[in-house]
Amino acid sequence: MPLLINSPSMATNNMLLQVFFITLTALISTSSSIAHTNICRSYCGNITIDYPFALQYGCGHPGFRDLLFCMNDVLMLHISSGSYRVLEIDYAYSALTLHDPHLSTCETIVLGGKGNGFVVEPWRGPYLAPDGNNVFLLIGCSARSPLFQGFPGKHLACRNVSGMGCEEYYSCPAWSLLGTQRVGSRGRVYGSGPPECCALPYEAIKAINLSKLECEGYSSAYSLAPLRVAGPTDWSYGIRVKYSVQGNDEFCRACEATGGTCGYGSDGIRQMCMCGSSNSTSNCDSSK
């Protein structure tokens, strides 16, 4: 009769093998779970891209499709008026902060109509618009500009926004650098001529198109209420844009509650719940 020997080394090896397989199974399960719940989340530089935004087609909300692009770790937003660098996505306040390299500031005024301004496609308008506390300062606009035409009693659209306006902006050192140059010298037929600067909110005209408005340049600054800064040297220059998915977005919440990821179909319109190897038009429970 053969003699069976239980060596300590054999028992140890068996135990290590069992631990290995248990660990491997747990890792595979965890990896599968992560891939299932975060298939659309990504990063560009140090900015997290999450719902309703996405870099991959089919991910995120259809209202924000073909909007963000990552180029050499720099996040860019593209709309009909041009491309902007995204400095921040504030998910808590549903806002993005954008930078236009041809935006005038307190130190530099950029003329020649080079700036992008801000114009979105009509279908994207309900989802994306500059914040109500964002002021646009239009510089060197012609007297023929629509800004000064077509308003009842020729009432100017120009006004302060959240305590920021042209009177304050005129104190910036950039104006003194222009010397005697009058940026708004073209076609002065509106009284003594149009103001060299016209401040207004986006909602006043729904589009900041320098060419159509016949303006030489523009600036944009925003206020993070209830904060108020002393003067234009302390303003936050850039374009603060609010985003909205319209309504309370029950579809996405139901999708995520069942372990899915929110996206949209190949038509670019219909919302879709991505559930690992399958998709659903409602939630992942219904796809089982």
C-alpha atoms as a PDB file:
ATOM      1  CA  MET A   1       0.000   0.000   0.000  1.00  0.00           C
ATOM      2  CA  PRO A   2       1.548   3.336  -1.040  1.00  0.00           C
ATOM      3  CA  LEU A   3       2.420   5.792   1.654  1.00  0.00           C
ATOM      4  CA  LEU A   4       0.718   9.232   1.275  1.00  0.00           C
ATOM      5  CA  ILE A   5       2.775  12.115   2.548  1.00  0.00           C
ATOM      6  CA  ASN A   6       1.188  15.529   3.224  1.00  0.00           C
ATOM      7  CA  SER A   7       4.205  17.797   2.956  1.00  0.00           C
ATOM      8  CA  PRO A   8       3.921  21.372   4.343  1.00  0.00           C
ATOM      9  CA  SER A   9       5.198  22.772   1.054  1.00  0.00           C
ATOM     10  CA  MET A  10       2.444  21.021  -0.938  1.00  0.00           C
ATOM     11  CA  ALA A  11      -0.267  22.364   1.377  1.00  0.00           C
ATOM     12  CA  THR A  12       1.195  25.857   1.113  1.00  0.00           C
ATOM     13  CA  ASN A  13       1.280  25.683  -2.674  1.00  0.00           C
ATOM     14  CA  ASN A  14      -2.348  24.551  -2.815  1.00  0.00           C
ATOM     15  CA  MET A  15      -3.377  27.415  -0.538  1.00  0.00           C
ATOM     16  CA  LEU A  16      -1.475  29.971  -2.635  1.00  0.00           C
ATOM     17  CA  LEU A  17      -3.095  28.609  -5.787  1.00  0.00           C
ATOM     18  CA  GLN A  18      -6.562  28.996  -4.264  1.00  0.00           C
ATOM     19  CA  VAL A  19      -5.796  32.561  -3.155  1.00  0.00           C
ATOM     20  CA  PHE A  20      -4.517  33.383  -6.662  1.00  0.00           C
ATOM     21  CA  PHE A  21      -7.709  32.172  -8.352  1.00  0.00           C
ATOM     22  CA  ILE A  22      -9.937  33.980  -5.829  1.00  0.00           C
ATOM     23  CA  THR A  23      -7.988  37.224  -6.352  1.00  0.00           C
ATOM     24  CA  LEU A  24      -8.052  36.835 -10.141  1.00  0.00           C
ATOM     25  CA  THR A  25     -11.817  36.254 -10.109  1.00  0.00           C
ATOM     26  CA  ALA A  26     -12.341  39.359  -7.958  1.00  0.00           C
ATOM     27  CA  LEU A  27     -10.165  41.485 -10.250  1.00  0.00           C
ATOM     28  CA  ILE A  28     -12.020  40.324 -13.354  1.00  0.00           C
ATOM     29  CA  SER A  29     -15.350  41.027 -11.681  1.00  0.00           C
ATOM     30  CA  THR A  30     -14.241  44.491 -10.556  1.00  0.00           C
ATOM     31  CA  SER A  31     -12.781  45.312 -13.972  1.00  0.00           C
ATOM     32  CA  SER A  32     -15.999  44.237 -15.669  1.00  0.00           C
ATOM     33  CA  SER A  33     -18.046  46.385 -13.290  1.00  0.00           C
ATOM     34  CA  ILE A  34     -15.867  49.437 -13.880  1.00  0.00           C
ATOM     35  CA  ALA A  35     -15.993  48.999 -17.648  1.00  0.00           C
ATOM     36  CA  HIS A  36     -19.747  48.599 -17.465  1.00  0.00           C
ATOM     37  CA  THR A  37     -20.462  51.707 -15.415  1.00  0.00           C
ATOM     38  CA  ASN A  38     -17.777  54.079 -16.741  1.00  0.00           C
ATOM     39  CA  ILE A  39     -17.464  53.261 -20.429  1.00  0.00           C
ATOM     40  CA  CYS A  40     -18.090  56.889 -21.425  1.00  0.00           C
ATOM     41  CA  ARG A  41     -16.119  58.731 -18.760  1.00  0.00           C
ATOM     42  CA  SER A  42     -12.806  60.055 -19.996  1.00  0.00           C
ATOM     43  CA  TYR A  43     -10.189  62.738 -19.408  1.00  0.00           C
ATOM     44  CA  CYS A  44      -8.446  65.428 -21.412  1.00  0.00           C
ATOM     45  CA  GLY A  45      -5.445  66.855 -19.632  1.00  0.00           C
ATOM     46  CA  ASN A  46      -6.647  67.462 -16.081  1.00  0.00           C
ATOM     47  CA  ILE A  47     -10.337  67.860 -17.031  1.00  0.00           C
ATOM     48  CA  THR A  48     -12.816  65.044 -16.420  1.00  0.00           C
ATOM     49  CA  ILE A  49     -15.287  64.470 -19.261  1.00  0.00           C
ATOM     50  CA  ASP A  50     -18.529  63.060 -17.895  1.00  0.00           C
ATOM     51  CA  TYR A  51     -22.256  63.159 -18.646  1.00  0.00           C
ATOM     52  CA  PRO A  52     -23.787  65.100 -20.352  1.00  0.00           C
ATOM     53  CA  PHE A  53     -20.500  65.561 -22.246  1.00  0.00           C
ATOM     54  CA  ALA A  54     -18.367  62.941 -23.963  1.00  0.00           C
ATOM     55  CA  LEU A  55     -15.513  62.583 -26.397  1.00  0.00           C
ATOM     56  CA  GLN A  56     -16.792  59.350 -27.965  1.00  0.00           C
ATOM     57  CA  TYR A  57     -19.669  59.310 -30.427  1.00  0.00           C
ATOM     58  CA  GLY A  58     -22.753  57.726 -28.870  1.00  0.00           C
ATOM     59  CA  CYS A  59     -21.810  58.737 -25.321  1.00  0.00           C
ATOM     60  CA  GLY A  60     -23.358  61.540 -23.271  1.00  0.00           C
ATOM     61  CA  HIS A  61     -26.481  63.535 -24.089  1.00  0.00           C
ATOM     62  CA  PRO A  62     -27.388  64.006 -27.778  1.00  0.00           C
ATOM     63  CA  GLY A  63     -27.685  67.770 -27.233  1.00  0.00           C
ATOM     64  CA  PHE A  64     -23.895  67.890 -26.707  1.00  0.00           C
ATOM     65  CA  ARG A  65     -22.772  65.546 -29.474  1.00  0.00           C
ATOM     66  CA  ASP A  66     -19.809  66.613 -31.634  1.00  0.00           C
ATOM     67  CA  LEU A  67     -19.085  69.445 -29.199  1.00  0.00           C
ATOM     68  CA  LEU A  68     -15.878  68.599 -27.306  1.00  0.00           C
ATOM     69  CA  PHE A  69     -12.561  67.471 -28.780  1.00  0.00           C
ATOM     70  CA  CYS A  70      -9.274  66.616 -27.069  1.00  0.00           C
ATOM     71  CA  MET A  71      -6.188  67.787 -28.960  1.00  0.00           C
ATOM     72  CA  ASN A  72      -2.770  67.140 -27.383  1.00  0.00           C
ATOM     73  CA  ASP A  73      -4.359  67.060 -23.905  1.00  0.00           C
ATOM     74  CA  VAL A  74      -6.114  70.388 -24.562  1.00  0.00           C
ATOM     75  CA  LEU A  75      -9.911  70.282 -24.395  1.00  0.00           C
ATOM     76  CA  MET A  76     -11.594  72.286 -27.153  1.00  0.00           C
ATOM     77  CA  LEU A  77     -15.254  73.205 -27.682  1.00  0.00           C
ATOM     78  CA  HIS A  78     -16.450  73.792 -31.235  1.00  0.00           C
ATOM     79  CA  ILE A  79     -19.645  75.625 -32.244  1.00  0.00           C
ATOM     80  CA  SER A  80     -20.634  77.563 -35.355  1.00  0.00           C
ATOM     81  CA  SER A  81     -18.761  80.724 -34.280  1.00  0.00           C
ATOM     82  CA  GLY A  82     -15.449  78.924 -33.817  1.00  0.00           C
ATOM     83  CA  SER A  83     -13.302  76.880 -31.444  1.00  0.00           C
ATOM     84  CA  TYR A  84     -12.608  77.717 -27.801  1.00  0.00           C
ATOM     85  CA  ARG A  85     -10.329  76.232 -25.198  1.00  0.00           C
ATOM     86  CA  VAL A  86     -12.245  74.763 -22.263  1.00  0.00           C
ATOM     87  CA  LEU A  87     -10.590  75.912 -19.048  1.00  0.00           C
ATOM     88  CA  GLU A  88     -13.037  74.232 -16.680  1.00  0.00           C
ATOM     89  CA  ILE A  89     -16.192  72.139 -16.529  1.00  0.00           C
ATOM     90  CA  ASP A  90     -18.083  72.913 -13.327  1.00  0.00           C
ATOM     91  CA  TYR A  91     -20.478  69.990 -12.931  1.00  0.00           C
ATOM     92  CA  ALA A  92     -21.832  71.296  -9.621  1.00  0.00           C
ATOM     93  CA  TYR A  93     -23.079  74.525 -11.253  1.00  0.00           C
ATOM     94  CA  SER A  94     -23.616  73.150 -14.789  1.00  0.00           C
ATOM     95  CA  ALA A  95     -21.164  75.587 -16.368  1.00  0.00           C
ATOM     96  CA  LEU A  96     -18.122  75.697 -18.635  1.00  0.00           C
ATOM     97  CA  THR A  97     -15.437  78.382 -18.745  1.00  0.00           C
ATOM     98  CA  LEU A  98     -14.147  79.096 -22.257  1.00  0.00           C
ATOM     99  CA  HIS A  99     -11.160  81.014 -23.609  1.00  0.00           C
ATOM    100  CA  ASP A 100     -10.935  82.789 -26.973  1.00  0.00           C
ATOM    101  CA  PRO A 101      -7.331  83.828 -27.803  1.00  0.00           C
ATOM    102  CA  HIS A 102      -8.648  86.976 -29.546  1.00  0.00           C
ATOM    103  CA  LEU A 103     -10.689  88.108 -26.553  1.00  0.00           C
ATOM    104  CA  SER A 104      -9.807  91.601 -25.300  1.00  0.00           C
ATOM    105  CA  THR A 105      -8.917  91.976 -21.619  1.00  0.00           C
ATOM    106  CA  CYS A 106      -8.011  94.848 -19.323  1.00  0.00           C
ATOM    107  CA  GLU A 107      -4.394  94.699 -20.538  1.00  0.00           C
ATOM    108  CA  THR A 108      -4.940  94.146 -24.267  1.00  0.00           C
ATOM    109  CA  ILE A 109      -7.595  95.209 -26.775  1.00  0.00           C
ATOM    110  CA  VAL A 110      -7.712  93.052 -29.904  1.00  0.00           C
ATOM    111  CA  LEU A 111      -9.175  94.752 -32.987  1.00  0.00           C
ATOM    112  CA  GLY A 112      -9.725  93.671 -36.576  1.00  0.00           C
ATOM    113  CA  GLY A 113     -12.799  91.525 -35.967  1.00  0.00           C
ATOM    114  CA  LYS A 114     -10.637  88.500 -35.154  1.00  0.00           C
ATOM    115  CA  GLY A 115     -12.584  87.287 -32.129  1.00  0.00           C
ATOM    116  CA  ASN A 116     -15.000  84.363 -32.257  1.00  0.00           C
ATOM    117  CA  GLY A 117     -17.783  86.028 -30.337  1.00  0.00           C
ATOM    118  CA  PHE A 118     -20.379  83.410 -29.436  1.00  0.00           C
ATOM    119  CA  VAL A 119     -22.950  81.845 -31.764  1.00  0.00           C
ATOM    120  CA  VAL A 120     -24.456  78.376 -31.341  1.00  0.00           C
ATOM    121  CA  GLU A 121     -26.372  76.278 -33.819  1.00  0.00           C
ATOM    122  CA  PRO A 122     -30.156  76.812 -33.455  1.00  0.00           C
ATOM    123  CA  TRP A 123     -30.754  73.182 -32.470  1.00  0.00           C
ATOM    124  CA  ARG A 124     -28.096  73.420 -29.740  1.00  0.00           C
ATOM    125  CA  GLY A 125     -29.397  76.710 -28.331  1.00  0.00           C
ATOM    126  CA  PRO A 126     -31.694  75.148 -25.689  1.00  0.00           C
ATOM    127  CA  TYR A 127     -28.737  73.230 -24.243  1.00  0.00           C
ATOM    128  CA  LEU A 128     -25.961  75.825 -24.263  1.00  0.00           C
ATOM    129  CA  ALA A 129     -25.932  79.594 -23.612  1.00  0.00           C
ATOM    130  CA  PRO A 130     -23.706  82.125 -21.809  1.00  0.00           C
ATOM    131  CA  ASP A 131     -24.490  82.669 -18.148  1.00  0.00           C
ATOM    132  CA  GLY A 132     -26.772  85.561 -17.206  1.00  0.00           C
ATOM    133  CA  ASN A 133     -23.902  87.017 -15.133  1.00  0.00           C
ATOM    134  CA  ASN A 134     -21.598  87.038 -18.170  1.00  0.00           C
ATOM    135  CA  VAL A 135     -21.129  90.441 -19.834  1.00  0.00           C
ATOM    136  CA  PHE A 136     -20.095  90.903 -23.458  1.00  0.00           C
ATOM    137  CA  LEU A 137     -18.306  94.198 -24.164  1.00  0.00           C
ATOM    138  CA  LEU A 138     -18.511  94.981 -27.874  1.00  0.00           C
ATOM    139  CA  ILE A 139     -15.756  97.320 -29.055  1.00  0.00           C
ATOM    140  CA  GLY A 140     -15.639  99.721 -31.990  1.00  0.00           C
ATOM    141  CA  CYS A 141     -19.057  98.963 -33.478  1.00  0.00           C
ATOM    142  CA  SER A 142     -20.218 100.893 -36.538  1.00  0.00           C
ATOM    143  CA  ALA A 143     -23.134 103.318 -36.345  1.00  0.00           C
ATOM    144  CA  ARG A 144     -24.780 100.993 -38.874  1.00  0.00           C
ATOM    145  CA  SER A 145     -24.573  98.116 -36.407  1.00  0.00           C
ATOM    146  CA  PRO A 146     -27.858  96.345 -35.597  1.00  0.00           C
ATOM    147  CA  LEU A 147     -27.017  97.202 -31.989  1.00  0.00           C
ATOM    148  CA  PHE A 148     -28.126 100.771 -32.649  1.00  0.00           C
ATOM    149  CA  GLN A 149     -30.951 100.065 -35.097  1.00  0.00           C
ATOM    150  CA  GLY A 150     -34.405  98.599 -34.801  1.00  0.00           C
ATOM    151  CA  PHE A 151     -34.931  99.150 -31.092  1.00  0.00           C
ATOM    152  CA  PRO A 152     -38.099 101.021 -29.999  1.00  0.00           C
ATOM    153  CA  GLY A 153     -37.261 104.720 -29.898  1.00  0.00           C
ATOM    154  CA  LYS A 154     -33.693 103.767 -30.884  1.00  0.00           C
ATOM    155  CA  HIS A 155     -33.157 102.623 -27.324  1.00  0.00           C
ATOM    156  CA  LEU A 156     -29.609 101.313 -26.983  1.00  0.00           C
ATOM    157  CA  ALA A 157     -29.185  97.705 -25.948  1.00  0.00           C
ATOM    158  CA  CYS A 158     -26.060  98.636 -23.980  1.00  0.00           C
ATOM    159  CA  ARG A 159     -26.234  98.206 -20.219  1.00  0.00           C
ATOM    160  CA  ASN A 160     -24.290  96.917 -17.230  1.00  0.00           C
ATOM    161  CA  VAL A 161     -24.397  93.234 -16.353  1.00  0.00           C
ATOM    162  CA  SER A 162     -23.833  92.157 -12.748  1.00  0.00           C
ATOM    163  CA  GLY A 163     -22.053  95.433 -11.998  1.00  0.00           C
ATOM    164  CA  MET A 164     -19.758  95.156 -15.021  1.00  0.00           C
ATOM    165  CA  GLY A 165     -19.982  97.644 -17.877  1.00  0.00           C
ATOM    166  CA  CYS A 166     -18.141  99.956 -20.244  1.00  0.00           C
ATOM    167  CA  GLU A 167     -17.694 102.859 -17.829  1.00  0.00           C
ATOM    168  CA  GLU A 168     -15.597 100.577 -15.643  1.00  0.00           C
ATOM    169  CA  TYR A 169     -13.905  98.954 -18.634  1.00  0.00           C
ATOM    170  CA  TYR A 170     -12.763 102.362 -19.973  1.00  0.00           C
ATOM    171  CA  SER A 171     -10.462 102.621 -16.930  1.00  0.00           C
ATOM    172  CA  CYS A 172      -8.395  99.650 -18.119  1.00  0.00           C
ATOM    173  CA  PRO A 173      -4.800 100.391 -19.169  1.00  0.00           C
ATOM    174  CA  ALA A 174      -5.477  98.825 -22.587  1.00  0.00           C
ATOM    175  CA  TRP A 175      -7.450 101.924 -23.645  1.00  0.00           C
ATOM    176  CA  SER A 176      -4.554 104.273 -22.941  1.00  0.00           C
ATOM    177  CA  LEU A 177      -2.309 102.051 -25.063  1.00  0.00           C
ATOM    178  CA  LEU A 178      -4.541 102.798 -28.057  1.00  0.00           C
ATOM    179  CA  GLY A 179      -3.479 106.447 -27.847  1.00  0.00           C
ATOM    180  CA  THR A 180      -5.589 108.762 -29.995  1.00  0.00           C
ATOM    181  CA  GLN A 181      -6.967 105.931 -32.139  1.00  0.00           C
ATOM    182  CA  ARG A 182     -10.745 105.881 -32.081  1.00  0.00           C
ATOM    183  CA  VAL A 183     -11.808 102.270 -32.480  1.00  0.00           C
ATOM    184  CA  GLY A 184     -15.375 103.232 -33.289  1.00  0.00           C
ATOM    185  CA  SER A 185     -14.646 105.941 -35.831  1.00  0.00           C
ATOM    186  CA  ARG A 186     -16.491 104.408 -38.789  1.00  0.00           C
ATOM    187  CA  GLY A 187     -19.733 106.007 -39.965  1.00  0.00           C
ATOM    188  CA  ARG A 188     -20.630 108.243 -37.044  1.00  0.00           C
ATOM    189  CA  VAL A 189     -24.248 109.073 -37.891  1.00  0.00           C
ATOM    190  CA  TYR A 190     -25.923 108.148 -34.616  1.00  0.00           C
ATOM    191  CA  GLY A 191     -25.844 111.502 -32.810  1.00  0.00           C
ATOM    192  CA  SER A 192     -22.221 112.225 -32.009  1.00  0.00           C
ATOM    193  CA  GLY A 193     -21.381 108.653 -32.908  1.00  0.00           C
ATOM    194  CA  PRO A 194     -21.872 105.269 -31.295  1.00  0.00           C
ATOM    195  CA  PRO A 195     -20.090 104.478 -28.033  1.00  0.00           C
ATOM    196  CA  GLU A 196     -16.683 102.872 -28.389  1.00  0.00           C
ATOM    197  CA  CYS A 197     -17.870 100.126 -26.074  1.00  0.00           C
ATOM    198  CA  CYS A 198     -21.303  98.557 -25.660  1.00  0.00           C
ATOM    199  CA  ALA A 199     -21.920  96.143 -22.778  1.00  0.00           C
ATOM    200  CA  LEU A 200     -24.813  93.717 -22.873  1.00  0.00           C
ATOM    201  CA  PRO A 201     -25.874  90.215 -21.835  1.00  0.00           C
ATOM    202  CA  TYR A 202     -26.109  87.414 -24.377  1.00  0.00           C
ATOM    203  CA  GLU A 203     -29.895  87.231 -23.974  1.00  0.00           C
ATOM    204  CA  ALA A 204     -30.258  90.770 -25.354  1.00  0.00           C
ATOM    205  CA  ILE A 205     -29.357  89.741 -28.912  1.00  0.00           C
ATOM    206  CA  LYS A 206     -28.955  85.910 -28.719  1.00  0.00           C
ATOM    207  CA  ALA A 207     -25.761  85.919 -30.817  1.00  0.00           C
ATOM    208  CA  ILE A 208     -22.382  87.658 -30.562  1.00  0.00           C
ATOM    209  CA  ASN A 209     -21.333  87.796 -34.213  1.00  0.00           C
ATOM    210  CA  LEU A 210     -18.698  90.504 -34.728  1.00  0.00           C
ATOM    211  CA  SER A 211     -19.118  90.531 -38.494  1.00  0.00           C
ATOM    212  CA  LYS A 212     -22.901  90.944 -38.483  1.00  0.00           C
ATOM    213  CA  LEU A 213     -22.752  93.438 -35.624  1.00  0.00           C
ATOM    214  CA  GLU A 214     -19.997  95.366 -37.449  1.00  0.00           C
ATOM    215  CA  CYS A 215     -17.739  95.469 -34.402  1.00  0.00           C
ATOM    216  CA  GLU A 216     -13.936  95.571 -34.337  1.00  0.00           C
ATOM    217  CA  GLY A 217     -13.484  93.457 -31.235  1.00  0.00           C
ATOM    218  CA  TYR A 218     -15.004  92.244 -28.009  1.00  0.00           C
ATOM    219  CA  SER A 219     -14.333  91.290 -24.443  1.00  0.00           C
ATOM    220  CA  SER A 220     -16.210  88.986 -22.113  1.00  0.00           C
ATOM    221  CA  ALA A 221     -16.142  88.748 -18.340  1.00  0.00           C
ATOM    222  CA  TYR A 222     -18.207  86.909 -15.786  1.00  0.00           C
ATOM    223  CA  SER A 223     -19.171  87.246 -12.161  1.00  0.00           C
ATOM    224  CA  LEU A 224     -19.525  84.300  -9.818  1.00  0.00           C
ATOM    225  CA  ALA A 225     -22.414  85.648  -7.725  1.00  0.00           C
ATOM    226  CA  PRO A 226     -22.576  86.648  -4.932  1.00  0.00           C
ATOM    227  CA  LEU A 227     -18.919  87.672  -5.369  1.00  0.00           C
ATOM    228  CA  ARG A 228     -18.401  91.225  -6.608  1.00  0.00           C
ATOM    229  CA  VAL A 229     -14.978  92.541  -7.565  1.00  0.00           C
ATOM    230  CA  ALA A 230     -13.777  96.118  -7.210  1.00  0.00           C
ATOM    231  CA  GLY A 231     -12.865  96.917 -10.812  1.00  0.00           C
ATOM    232  CA  PRO A 232     -12.086  95.590 -14.301  1.00  0.00           C
ATOM    233  CA  THR A 233      -8.518  94.661 -13.398  1.00  0.00           C
ATOM    234  CA  ASP A 234     -10.018  91.994 -11.116  1.00  0.00           C
ATOM    235  CA  TRP A 235     -12.737  90.745 -13.473  1.00  0.00           C
ATOM    236  CA  SER A 236     -12.640  87.124 -14.599  1.00  0.00           C
ATOM    237  CA  TYR A 237     -12.130  87.347 -18.370  1.00  0.00           C
ATOM    238  CA  GLY A 238     -13.502  84.517 -20.479  1.00  0.00           C
ATOM    239  CA  ILE A 239     -16.914  83.183 -21.465  1.00  0.00           C
ATOM    240  CA  ARG A 240     -18.926  81.465 -18.752  1.00  0.00           C
ATOM    241  CA  VAL A 241     -21.456  79.169 -20.428  1.00  0.00           C
ATOM    242  CA  LYS A 242     -24.347  77.410 -18.717  1.00  0.00           C
ATOM    243  CA  TYR A 243     -25.475  74.025 -19.990  1.00  0.00           C
ATOM    244  CA  SER A 244     -28.776  72.231 -19.512  1.00  0.00           C
ATOM    245  CA  VAL A 245     -30.071  68.813 -20.515  1.00  0.00           C
ATOM    246  CA  GLN A 246     -33.632  70.191 -20.495  1.00  0.00           C
ATOM    247  CA  GLY A 247     -36.125  68.949 -17.897  1.00  0.00           C
ATOM    248  CA  ASN A 248     -35.085  66.726 -15.004  1.00  0.00           C
ATOM    249  CA  ASP A 249     -33.498  64.060 -17.227  1.00  0.00           C
ATOM    250  CA  GLU A 250     -35.288  61.127 -15.621  1.00  0.00           C
ATOM    251  CA  PHE A 251     -34.085  58.831 -18.403  1.00  0.00           C
ATOM    252  CA  CYS A 252     -30.423  59.120 -17.457  1.00  0.00           C
ATOM    253  CA  ARG A 253     -31.083  58.771 -13.736  1.00  0.00           C
ATOM    254  CA  ALA A 254     -33.083  55.579 -14.327  1.00  0.00           C
ATOM    255  CA  CYS A 255     -30.329  54.268 -16.591  1.00  0.00           C
ATOM    256  CA  GLU A 256     -27.535  54.929 -14.092  1.00  0.00           C
ATOM    257  CA  ALA A 257     -29.599  53.560 -11.184  1.00  0.00           C
ATOM    258  CA  THR A 258     -29.649  50.173 -12.949  1.00  0.00           C
ATOM    259  CA  GLY A 259     -25.904  50.205 -13.640  1.00  0.00           C
ATOM    260  CA  GLY A 260     -26.044  51.646 -17.144  1.00  0.00           C
ATOM    261  CA  THR A 261     -24.272  54.480 -18.927  1.00  0.00           C
ATOM    262  CA  CYS A 262     -26.200  57.258 -20.673  1.00  0.00           C
ATOM    263  CA  GLY A 263     -25.729  57.697 -24.392  1.00  0.00           C
ATOM    264  CA  TYR A 264     -27.644  58.058 -27.636  1.00  0.00           C
ATOM    265  CA  GLY A 265     -28.454  56.040 -30.724  1.00  0.00           C
ATOM    266  CA  SER A 266     -26.967  56.095 -34.208  1.00  0.00           C
ATOM    267  CA  ASP A 267     -29.535  58.713 -35.265  1.00  0.00           C
ATOM    268  CA  GLY A 268     -27.840  61.205 -32.913  1.00  0.00           C
ATOM    269  CA  ILE A 269     -31.175  62.042 -31.294  1.00  0.00           C
ATOM    270  CA  ARG A 270     -32.688  59.095 -29.400  1.00  0.00           C
ATOM    271  CA  GLN A 271     -31.314  58.544 -25.885  1.00  0.00           C
ATOM    272  CA  MET A 272     -29.885  55.121 -25.131  1.00  0.00           C
ATOM    273  CA  CYS A 273     -28.921  53.248 -21.962  1.00  0.00           C
ATOM    274  CA  MET A 274     -25.719  51.266 -22.514  1.00  0.00           C
ATOM    275  CA  CYS A 275     -25.686  48.086 -20.445  1.00  0.00           C
ATOM    276  CA  GLY A 276     -22.380  46.378 -21.138  1.00  0.00           C
ATOM    277  CA  SER A 277     -22.962  44.013 -24.058  1.00  0.00           C
ATOM    278  CA  SER A 278     -26.444  45.347 -24.825  1.00  0.00           C
ATOM    279  CA  ASN A 279     -28.320  48.635 -25.130  1.00  0.00           C
ATOM    280  CA  SER A 280     -31.773  49.636 -23.936  1.00  0.00           C
ATOM    281  CA  THR A 281     -34.187  52.456 -24.705  1.00  0.00           C
ATOM    282  CA  SER A 282     -35.181  52.613 -21.016  1.00  0.00           C
ATOM    283  CA  ASN A 283     -32.823  51.025 -18.443  1.00  0.00           C
ATOM    284  CA  CYS A 284     -30.598  48.007 -17.889  1.00  0.00           C
ATOM    285  CA  ASP A 285     -33.220  46.029 -15.966  1.00  0.00           C
ATOM    286  CA  SER A 286     -35.396  45.937 -19.064  1.00  0.00           C
ATOM    287  CA  SER A 287     -32.531  44.618 -21.193  1.00  0.00           C
ATOM    288  CA  LYS A 288     -32.043  41.478 -19.102  1.00  0.00           C
END
